[in-house]
C-alpha atoms as a PDB file:
ATOM      1  CA  MET A   1      -3.974  29.810 -20.443  1.00  0.00           C
ATOM      2  CA  VAL A   2      -0.174  29.735 -20.243  1.00  0.00           C
ATOM      3  CA  GLY A   3      -0.309  32.455 -17.608  1.00  0.00           C
ATOM      4  CA  LEU A   4      -2.661  30.418 -15.425  1.00  0.00           C
ATOM      5  CA  GLY A   5      -0.386  27.400 -15.849  1.00  0.00           C
ATOM      6  CA  GLY A   6       2.591  29.500 -14.775  1.00  0.00           C
ATOM      7  CA  ILE A   7       0.741  30.688 -11.673  1.00  0.00           C
ATOM      8  CA  LEU A   8      -0.090  27.110 -10.740  1.00  0.00           C
ATOM      9  CA  LEU A   9       3.529  26.060 -11.335  1.00  0.00           C
ATOM     10  CA  LEU A  10       4.810  28.820  -9.071  1.00  0.00           C
ATOM     11  CA  PHE A  11       2.251  27.962  -6.417  1.00  0.00           C
ATOM     12  CA  LEU A  12       3.412  24.332  -6.382  1.00  0.00           C
ATOM     13  CA  VAL A  13       7.157  25.014  -6.552  1.00  0.00           C
ATOM     14  CA  LEU A  14       7.674  28.072  -4.317  1.00  0.00           C
ATOM     15  CA  PRO A  15       6.797  26.310  -1.022  1.00  0.00           C
ATOM     16  CA  PHE A  16       9.563  23.771  -1.686  1.00  0.00           C
ATOM     17  CA  VAL A  17      11.980  26.620  -2.464  1.00  0.00           C
ATOM     18  CA  ALA A  18      11.079  28.279   0.844  1.00  0.00           C
ATOM     19  CA  LEU A  19      11.403  24.978   2.674  1.00  0.00           C
ATOM     20  CA  LEU A  20      14.906  24.541   1.285  1.00  0.00           C
ATOM     21  CA  LEU A  21      16.209  28.103   1.600  1.00  0.00           C
ATOM     22  CA  ASP A  22      14.612  29.558   4.717  1.00  0.00           C
ATOM     23  CA  GLY A  23      17.014  29.724   7.646  1.00  0.00           C
ATOM     24  CA  GLY A  24      20.047  28.452   5.760  1.00  0.00           C
ATOM     25  CA  PRO A  25      22.105  25.262   6.043  1.00  0.00           C
ATOM     26  CA  ASP A  26      23.196  25.843   9.646  1.00  0.00           C
ATOM     27  CA  SER A  27      19.661  25.902  11.029  1.00  0.00           C
ATOM     28  CA  ILE A  28      18.779  22.803   9.005  1.00  0.00           C
ATOM     29  CA  LEU A  29      21.783  20.918  10.372  1.00  0.00           C
ATOM     30  CA  ARG A  30      20.868  21.966  13.908  1.00  0.00           C
ATOM     31  CA  GLY A  31      17.339  20.738  13.299  1.00  0.00           C
ATOM     32  CA  LEU A  32      18.596  17.364  12.121  1.00  0.00           C
ATOM     33  CA  GLY A  33      20.525  17.080  15.377  1.00  0.00           C
ATOM     34  CA  CYS A  34      17.315  17.346  17.416  1.00  0.00           C
ATOM     35  CA  ALA A  35      16.596  14.451  19.766  1.00  0.00           C
ATOM     36  CA  LEU A  36      13.334  13.808  17.922  1.00  0.00           C
ATOM     37  CA  THR A  37      14.958  13.150  14.557  1.00  0.00           C
ATOM     38  CA  TRP A  38      16.676   9.780  14.614  1.00  0.00           C
ATOM     39  CA  PRO A  39      14.196   7.777  16.730  1.00  0.00           C
ATOM     40  CA  ALA A  40      11.396   9.031  14.448  1.00  0.00           C
ATOM     41  CA  LEU A  41      13.427   8.246  11.325  1.00  0.00           C
ATOM     42  CA  ARG A  42      14.223   4.691  12.485  1.00  0.00           C
ATOM     43  CA  LEU A  43      10.601   4.059  13.419  1.00  0.00           C
ATOM     44  CA  SER A  44       9.271   5.484  10.165  1.00  0.00           C
ATOM     45  CA  LEU A  45      11.612   3.477   7.979  1.00  0.00           C
ATOM     46  CA  GLY A  46      11.099   0.259   9.925  1.00  0.00           C
ATOM     47  CA  THR A  47       7.310   0.396  10.155  1.00  0.00           C
ATOM     48  CA  SER A  48       6.805   1.599   6.572  1.00  0.00           C
ATOM     49  CA  LEU A  49       8.947  -1.214   5.156  1.00  0.00           C
ATOM     50  CA  ILE A  50       7.036  -3.776   7.239  1.00  0.00           C
ATOM     51  CA  SER A  51       3.760  -2.243   6.059  1.00  0.00           C
ATOM     52  CA  VAL A  52       4.732  -2.455   2.397  1.00  0.00           C
ATOM     53  CA  ALA A  53       5.889  -6.054   2.769  1.00  0.00           C
ATOM     54  CA  LEU A  54       2.583  -7.057   4.355  1.00  0.00           C
ATOM     55  CA  VAL A  55       0.558  -5.161   1.744  1.00  0.00           C
ATOM     56  CA  VAL A  56       2.434  -6.827  -1.119  1.00  0.00           C
ATOM     57  CA  LEU A  57       2.149 -10.306   0.411  1.00  0.00           C
ATOM     58  CA  GLY A  58      -1.574 -10.009   1.045  1.00  0.00           C
ATOM     59  CA  GLY A  59      -2.545  -7.617  -1.717  1.00  0.00           C
ATOM     60  CA  THR A  60      -0.984  -9.402  -4.691  1.00  0.00           C
ATOM     61  CA  PRO A  61      -3.115 -12.568  -4.584  1.00  0.00           C
ATOM     62  CA  LEU A  62      -6.182 -10.488  -3.695  1.00  0.00           C
ATOM     63  CA  ALA A  63      -5.581  -8.217  -6.703  1.00  0.00           C
ATOM     64  CA  TRP A  64      -5.111 -11.270  -8.935  1.00  0.00           C
ATOM     65  CA  TRP A  65      -8.491 -12.617  -7.809  1.00  0.00           C
ATOM     66  CA  LEU A  66     -10.218  -9.242  -8.215  1.00  0.00           C
ATOM     67  CA  ALA A  67      -8.806  -8.732 -11.714  1.00  0.00           C
ATOM     68  CA  ARG A  68     -10.030 -12.142 -12.862  1.00  0.00           C
ATOM     69  CA  SER A  69     -13.299 -12.307 -10.961  1.00  0.00           C
ATOM     70  CA  ARG A  70     -16.556 -11.930 -12.872  1.00  0.00           C
ATOM     71  CA  TRP A  71     -18.639 -11.522  -9.735  1.00  0.00           C
ATOM     72  CA  ARG A  72     -20.460  -8.209  -9.521  1.00  0.00           C
ATOM     73  CA  SER A  73     -19.621  -8.117  -5.815  1.00  0.00           C
ATOM     74  CA  ALA A  74     -15.915  -7.968  -6.712  1.00  0.00           C
ATOM     75  CA  ARG A  75     -16.419  -4.521  -8.247  1.00  0.00           C
ATOM     76  CA  TRP A  76     -18.079  -3.319  -5.039  1.00  0.00           C
ATOM     77  CA  LEU A  77     -15.181  -4.764  -3.090  1.00  0.00           C
ATOM     78  CA  GLU A  78     -12.768  -2.751  -5.231  1.00  0.00           C
ATOM     79  CA  ILE A  79     -14.658   0.433  -4.326  1.00  0.00           C
ATOM     80  CA  LEU A  80     -14.542  -0.489  -0.644  1.00  0.00           C
ATOM     81  CA  LEU A  81     -10.788  -1.066  -0.845  1.00  0.00           C
ATOM     82  CA  GLN A  82     -10.330   2.416  -2.323  1.00  0.00           C
ATOM     83  CA  LEU A  83     -12.236   4.195   0.460  1.00  0.00           C
ATOM     84  CA  PRO A  84      -9.140   4.943   2.603  1.00  0.00           C
ATOM     85  CA  VAL A  85      -7.792   7.076  -0.259  1.00  0.00           C
ATOM     86  CA  VAL A  86     -10.726   9.494  -0.258  1.00  0.00           C
ATOM     87  CA  ILE A  87     -11.678   9.670   3.417  1.00  0.00           C
ATOM     88  CA  PRO A  88      -9.679  11.910   5.784  1.00  0.00           C
ATOM     89  CA  PRO A  89      -6.876   9.931   7.502  1.00  0.00           C
ATOM     90  CA  ALA A  90      -8.256  10.986  10.883  1.00  0.00           C
ATOM     91  CA  VAL A  91     -11.478   9.157  10.023  1.00  0.00           C
ATOM     92  CA  GLY A  92      -9.426   6.056   9.310  1.00  0.00           C
ATOM     93  CA  GLY A  93      -7.737   6.434  12.691  1.00  0.00           C
ATOM     94  CA  ILE A  94     -11.070   6.662  14.488  1.00  0.00           C
ATOM     95  CA  ALA A  95     -12.334   3.621  12.559  1.00  0.00           C
ATOM     96  CA  LEU A  96      -9.246   1.624  13.572  1.00  0.00           C
ATOM     97  CA  LEU A  97      -9.636   2.713  17.178  1.00  0.00           C
ATOM     98  CA  LEU A  98     -13.297   1.711  17.251  1.00  0.00           C
ATOM     99  CA  ALA A  99     -12.429  -1.640  15.695  1.00  0.00           C
ATOM    100  CA  PHE A 100      -9.216  -2.609  17.490  1.00  0.00           C
ATOM    101  CA  GLY A 101      -8.952  -0.276  20.498  1.00  0.00           C
ATOM    102  CA  ARG A 102      -9.389  -1.638  24.007  1.00  0.00           C
ATOM    103  CA  ARG A 103     -13.047  -0.643  24.007  1.00  0.00           C
ATOM    104  CA  GLY A 104     -13.492  -1.280  20.303  1.00  0.00           C
ATOM    105  CA  LEU A 105     -15.572  -3.866  18.525  1.00  0.00           C
ATOM    106  CA  PHE A 106     -12.814  -6.480  18.608  1.00  0.00           C
ATOM    107  CA  GLY A 107     -10.735  -4.921  21.381  1.00  0.00           C
ATOM    108  CA  GLU A 108     -11.979  -7.092  24.242  1.00  0.00           C
ATOM    109  CA  THR A 109     -11.453 -10.270  22.228  1.00  0.00           C
ATOM    110  CA  LEU A 110      -7.905  -9.233  21.368  1.00  0.00           C
ATOM    111  CA  GLU A 111      -7.218  -8.286  24.982  1.00  0.00           C
ATOM    112  CA  ARG A 112      -8.326 -11.731  26.164  1.00  0.00           C
ATOM    113  CA  LEU A 113      -5.828 -13.161  23.704  1.00  0.00           C
ATOM    114  CA  GLY A 114      -3.152 -10.996  25.314  1.00  0.00           C
ATOM    115  CA  TRP A 115      -2.832  -8.490  22.476  1.00  0.00           C
ATOM    116  CA  THR A 116      -3.738  -4.806  22.562  1.00  0.00           C
ATOM    117  CA  PRO A 117      -2.469  -3.175  19.368  1.00  0.00           C
ATOM    118  CA  ALA A 118      -3.687   0.380  20.000  1.00  0.00           C
ATOM    119  CA  PHE A 119      -1.043   2.962  20.987  1.00  0.00           C
ATOM    120  CA  SER A 120       1.864   0.699  20.120  1.00  0.00           C
ATOM    121  CA  SER A 121       4.319   0.268  17.267  1.00  0.00           C
ATOM    122  CA  VAL A 122       1.976  -2.384  15.871  1.00  0.00           C
ATOM    123  CA  ALA A 123      -0.717   0.282  15.663  1.00  0.00           C
ATOM    124  CA  VAL A 124       1.637   2.406  13.552  1.00  0.00           C
ATOM    125  CA  VAL A 125       1.985  -0.454  11.063  1.00  0.00           C
ATOM    126  CA  MET A 126      -1.768  -1.061  11.052  1.00  0.00           C
ATOM    127  CA  ALA A 127      -2.497   2.620  10.377  1.00  0.00           C
ATOM    128  CA  GLN A 128       0.058   2.710   7.584  1.00  0.00           C
ATOM    129  CA  ILE A 129      -1.389  -0.400   5.967  1.00  0.00           C
ATOM    130  CA  PHE A 130      -4.927   0.984   6.178  1.00  0.00           C
ATOM    131  CA  VAL A 131      -4.111   4.227   4.372  1.00  0.00           C
ATOM    132  CA  SER A 132      -1.489   2.963   1.917  1.00  0.00           C
ATOM    133  CA  ALA A 133      -2.772  -0.443   0.772  1.00  0.00           C
ATOM    134  CA  PRO A 134      -5.254   1.041  -1.754  1.00  0.00           C
ATOM    135  CA  PHE A 135      -2.364   2.490  -3.780  1.00  0.00           C
ATOM    136  CA  TYR A 136      -0.873  -0.968  -4.267  1.00  0.00           C
ATOM    137  CA  MET A 137      -4.229  -2.634  -4.786  1.00  0.00           C
ATOM    138  CA  GLN A 138      -5.221  -0.213  -7.534  1.00  0.00           C
ATOM    139  CA  ALA A 139      -1.900  -0.649  -9.343  1.00  0.00           C
ATOM    140  CA  ALA A 140      -1.959  -4.442  -8.964  1.00  0.00           C
ATOM    141  CA  VAL A 141      -5.568  -4.890 -10.114  1.00  0.00           C
ATOM    142  CA  GLN A 142      -4.898  -2.726 -13.180  1.00  0.00           C
ATOM    143  CA  ALA A 143      -1.650  -4.595 -13.886  1.00  0.00           C
ATOM    144  CA  PHE A 144      -3.297  -8.015 -13.775  1.00  0.00           C
ATOM    145  CA  GLY A 145      -6.314  -6.710 -15.671  1.00  0.00           C
ATOM    146  CA  ARG A 146      -4.233  -5.549 -18.637  1.00  0.00           C
ATOM    147  CA  LEU A 147      -2.442  -8.865 -19.070  1.00  0.00           C
ATOM    148  CA  ASP A 148      -2.963 -10.566 -22.423  1.00  0.00           C
ATOM    149  CA  ARG A 149      -5.573 -13.222 -21.711  1.00  0.00           C
ATOM    150  CA  ASN A 150      -4.336 -15.216 -24.702  1.00  0.00           C
ATOM    151  CA  LEU A 151      -1.014 -15.783 -22.928  1.00  0.00           C
ATOM    152  CA  LEU A 152      -2.847 -17.014 -19.846  1.00  0.00           C
ATOM    153  CA  ALA A 153      -5.003 -19.271 -22.003  1.00  0.00           C
ATOM    154  CA  VAL A 154      -1.894 -20.731 -23.648  1.00  0.00           C
ATOM    155  CA  GLY A 155      -0.421 -21.414 -20.230  1.00  0.00           C
ATOM    156  CA  ARG A 156      -3.561 -23.232 -19.151  1.00  0.00           C
ATOM    157  CA  SER A 157      -3.641 -25.225 -22.396  1.00  0.00           C
ATOM    158  CA  LEU A 158      -0.081 -26.376 -21.721  1.00  0.00           C
ATOM    159  CA  GLY A 159      -1.187 -27.789 -18.388  1.00  0.00           C
ATOM    160  CA  ALA A 160       0.002 -25.027 -16.061  1.00  0.00           C
ATOM    161  CA  SER A 161      -1.724 -25.184 -12.688  1.00  0.00           C
ATOM    162  CA  PRO A 162      -3.298 -21.969 -11.304  1.00  0.00           C
ATOM    163  CA  PRO A 163      -0.385 -21.365  -8.864  1.00  0.00           C
ATOM    164  CA  ARG A 164       2.174 -21.931 -11.616  1.00  0.00           C
ATOM    165  CA  LEU A 165       0.241 -19.658 -13.977  1.00  0.00           C
ATOM    166  CA  PHE A 166       0.255 -16.971 -11.284  1.00  0.00           C
ATOM    167  CA  PHE A 167       3.925 -17.201 -10.301  1.00  0.00           C
ATOM    168  CA  GLN A 168       5.529 -17.980 -13.659  1.00  0.00           C
ATOM    169  CA  VAL A 169       3.339 -16.016 -16.077  1.00  0.00           C
ATOM    170  CA  ALA A 170       1.250 -13.334 -14.387  1.00  0.00           C
ATOM    171  CA  LEU A 171       3.768 -12.040 -11.835  1.00  0.00           C
ATOM    172  CA  PRO A 172       6.683 -11.587 -14.277  1.00  0.00           C
ATOM    173  CA  LEU A 173       4.454  -9.781 -16.778  1.00  0.00           C
ATOM    174  CA  ALA A 174       2.883  -7.503 -14.141  1.00  0.00           C
ATOM    175  CA  ARG A 175       6.100  -6.887 -12.190  1.00  0.00           C
ATOM    176  CA  PRO A 176       6.831  -3.312 -13.420  1.00  0.00           C
ATOM    177  CA  TRP A 177       3.403  -2.054 -12.336  1.00  0.00           C
ATOM    178  CA  LEU A 178       3.591  -3.988  -9.071  1.00  0.00           C
ATOM    179  CA  ILE A 179       6.941  -2.400  -8.254  1.00  0.00           C
ATOM    180  CA  GLY A 180       5.536   1.046  -9.026  1.00  0.00           C
ATOM    181  CA  GLY A 181       2.505   0.390  -6.840  1.00  0.00           C
ATOM    182  CA  ALA A 182       4.686  -0.851  -3.992  1.00  0.00           C
ATOM    183  CA  ALA A 183       6.870   2.260  -4.241  1.00  0.00           C
ATOM    184  CA  MET A 184       3.870   4.596  -4.019  1.00  0.00           C
ATOM    185  CA  THR A 185       2.520   2.523  -1.141  1.00  0.00           C
ATOM    186  CA  TRP A 186       5.797   2.975   0.720  1.00  0.00           C
ATOM    187  CA  ALA A 187       5.728   6.731   0.142  1.00  0.00           C
ATOM    188  CA  ARG A 188       2.170   6.970   1.482  1.00  0.00           C
ATOM    189  CA  ALA A 189       3.032   4.833   4.514  1.00  0.00           C
ATOM    190  CA  LEU A 190       6.118   6.930   5.251  1.00  0.00           C
ATOM    191  CA  GLY A 191       4.101  10.148   5.165  1.00  0.00           C
ATOM    192  CA  GLU A 192       1.094   8.887   7.125  1.00  0.00           C
ATOM    193  CA  PHE A 193      -0.007  11.243   9.923  1.00  0.00           C
ATOM    194  CA  GLY A 194      -3.698  11.423  10.831  1.00  0.00           C
ATOM    195  CA  ALA A 195      -4.597   7.758  11.296  1.00  0.00           C
ATOM    196  CA  THR A 196      -1.339   7.140  13.165  1.00  0.00           C
ATOM    197  CA  LEU A 197      -1.991  10.007  15.571  1.00  0.00           C
ATOM    198  CA  MET A 198      -5.516   8.795  16.321  1.00  0.00           C
ATOM    199  CA  PHE A 199      -4.781   5.075  16.626  1.00  0.00           C
ATOM    200  CA  ALA A 200      -1.139   4.886  17.744  1.00  0.00           C
ATOM    201  CA  GLY A 201      -0.557   8.169  19.550  1.00  0.00           C
ATOM    202  CA  ASN A 202       2.549  10.337  19.514  1.00  0.00           C
ATOM    203  CA  MET A 203       5.064   8.722  21.858  1.00  0.00           C
ATOM    204  CA  THR A 204       8.744   9.390  21.175  1.00  0.00           C
ATOM    205  CA  GLY A 205      10.634   6.243  20.233  1.00  0.00           C
ATOM    206  CA  LYS A 206       7.486   4.126  20.286  1.00  0.00           C
ATOM    207  CA  THR A 207       4.854   5.542  17.947  1.00  0.00           C
ATOM    208  CA  GLN A 208       6.279   8.906  16.873  1.00  0.00           C
ATOM    209  CA  THR A 209       6.995   8.721  13.154  1.00  0.00           C
ATOM    210  CA  LEU A 210       8.604  11.510  11.132  1.00  0.00           C
ATOM    211  CA  PRO A 211       5.311  13.302  10.337  1.00  0.00           C
ATOM    212  CA  LEU A 212       4.370  13.201  14.021  1.00  0.00           C
ATOM    213  CA  ALA A 213       7.845  14.438  14.974  1.00  0.00           C
ATOM    214  CA  ILE A 214       7.317  17.385  12.596  1.00  0.00           C
ATOM    215  CA  TYR A 215       4.027  18.136  14.346  1.00  0.00           C
ATOM    216  CA  THR A 216       5.759  18.055  17.744  1.00  0.00           C
ATOM    217  CA  ALA A 217       8.798  20.046  16.583  1.00  0.00           C
ATOM    218  CA  LEU A 218       6.590  22.789  15.155  1.00  0.00           C
ATOM    219  CA  GLU A 219       5.582  23.703  18.725  1.00  0.00           C
ATOM    220  CA  LEU A 220       9.253  23.929  19.778  1.00  0.00           C
ATOM    221  CA  ASP A 221      11.305  25.217  16.852  1.00  0.00           C
ATOM    222  CA  ILE A 222      10.137  25.746  13.292  1.00  0.00           C
ATOM    223  CA  HIS A 223      13.625  25.088  11.908  1.00  0.00           C
ATOM    224  CA  THR A 224      13.626  21.630  13.451  1.00  0.00           C
ATOM    225  CA  ALA A 225      10.272  20.997  11.778  1.00  0.00           C
ATOM    226  CA  GLN A 226      11.781  22.368   8.557  1.00  0.00           C
ATOM    227  CA  ALA A 227      14.740  19.957   8.752  1.00  0.00           C
ATOM    228  CA  LEU A 228      12.472  16.964   9.368  1.00  0.00           C
ATOM    229  CA  SER A 229      10.224  18.063   6.505  1.00  0.00           C
ATOM    230  CA  LEU A 230      13.224  18.214   4.180  1.00  0.00           C
ATOM    231  CA  LEU A 231      14.022  14.610   5.093  1.00  0.00           C
ATOM    232  CA  LEU A 232      10.592  13.512   3.907  1.00  0.00           C
ATOM    233  CA  VAL A 233      10.860  15.656   0.779  1.00  0.00           C
ATOM    234  CA  ALA A 234      14.244  14.064   0.012  1.00  0.00           C
ATOM    235  CA  PHE A 235      12.769  10.572   0.346  1.00  0.00           C
ATOM    236  CA  ALA A 236       9.833  11.517  -1.876  1.00  0.00           C
ATOM    237  CA  PHE A 237      12.068  13.103  -4.528  1.00  0.00           C
ATOM    238  CA  ALA A 238      14.382  10.085  -4.575  1.00  0.00           C
ATOM    239  CA  LEU A 239      11.393   7.777  -4.934  1.00  0.00           C
ATOM    240  CA  LEU A 240       9.918   9.725  -7.853  1.00  0.00           C
ATOM    241  CA  LEU A 241      13.330   9.825  -9.533  1.00  0.00           C
ATOM    242  CA  PHE A 242      13.642   6.060  -9.111  1.00  0.00           C
ATOM    243  CA  LEU A 243      10.172   5.464 -10.577  1.00  0.00           C
ATOM    244  CA  ARG A 244      10.888   7.742 -13.525  1.00  0.00           C
ATOM    245  CA  ARG A 245      14.124   5.951 -14.386  1.00  0.00           C
ATOM    246  CA  PHE A 246      12.617   2.534 -13.714  1.00  0.00           C
ATOM    247  CA  ASN A 247       9.682   3.202 -16.041  1.00  0.00           C
ATOM    248  CA  ARG A 248      12.043   4.474 -18.715  1.00  0.00           C
ATOM    249  CA  THR A 249      14.151   1.331 -18.387  1.00  0.00           C
ATOM    250  CA  VAL A 250      11.064  -0.854 -18.699  1.00  0.00           C
ATOM    251  CA  GLU A 251       9.913   1.023 -21.817  1.00  0.00           C
ATOM    252  CA  ILE A 252      13.338   0.657 -23.441  1.00  0.00           C
ATOM    253  CA  GLY A 253      13.388  -3.060 -22.593  1.00  0.00           C
ATOM    254  CA  ARG A 254      10.036  -3.570 -24.310  1.00  0.00           C
ATOM    255  CA  ARG A 255      10.959  -1.873 -27.556  1.00  0.00           C
ATOM    256  CA  PRO A 256      11.569  -4.280 -30.413  1.00  0.00           C
ATOM    257  CA  ALA A 257      15.197  -4.683 -31.316  1.00  0.00           C
ATOM    258  CA  ALA A 258      16.260  -2.924 -34.474  1.00  0.00           C
ATOM    259  CA  SER A 259      16.847  -5.285 -37.345  1.00  0.00           C
END
């Protein structure tokens, strides 16, 4: 059993070792100097942060309602909201294109209003939201669902209105899980590839995010693709390190003080 675990560990770790060591520092630095790098990095960071902000703003009240709802339809809605996690991202891109593309279900209506989101920076944000929102929604619904209902009942008995109960009781108690969900949502948005390619295209400086730049660089120079990949790995590692330390801090803060 230990041997099989060791094989799995090696299988998961060795690709990152190769990604870091192959070619040496000089080739990585040259790759980072590629013309694709910085426009893609700026676009990825900007669109992913916008995506997370929109997901948190819209997803938090929706998760609060889902966690408290006793309607059977709410459970089906939760399943529907999780679909983007299990379907291939390319399927999500096609679905977005058929919904909001120029010839899509709502495309003509949007075009009459003077807005065509497909193959634009807006489409990048939309694709990122579509694939990453379920990560926040799942974390937020679970966070609100595990709240002590007695505390909420006490708040109501003291005359707290529903908005006040939400902002002053529920949000502070659920905040650690909401922050964790938002962090994972950002990581998924930053690494989004398939839906973005299908719905937004791969235009340098306009819709080409870091994953798409890696795809383009792979056809030109593998070391450039390696350097861009290391950027994403560095972001992911930093995020996981932050979450680990944040969760540890939260656990320490919740321990009862020694008498």
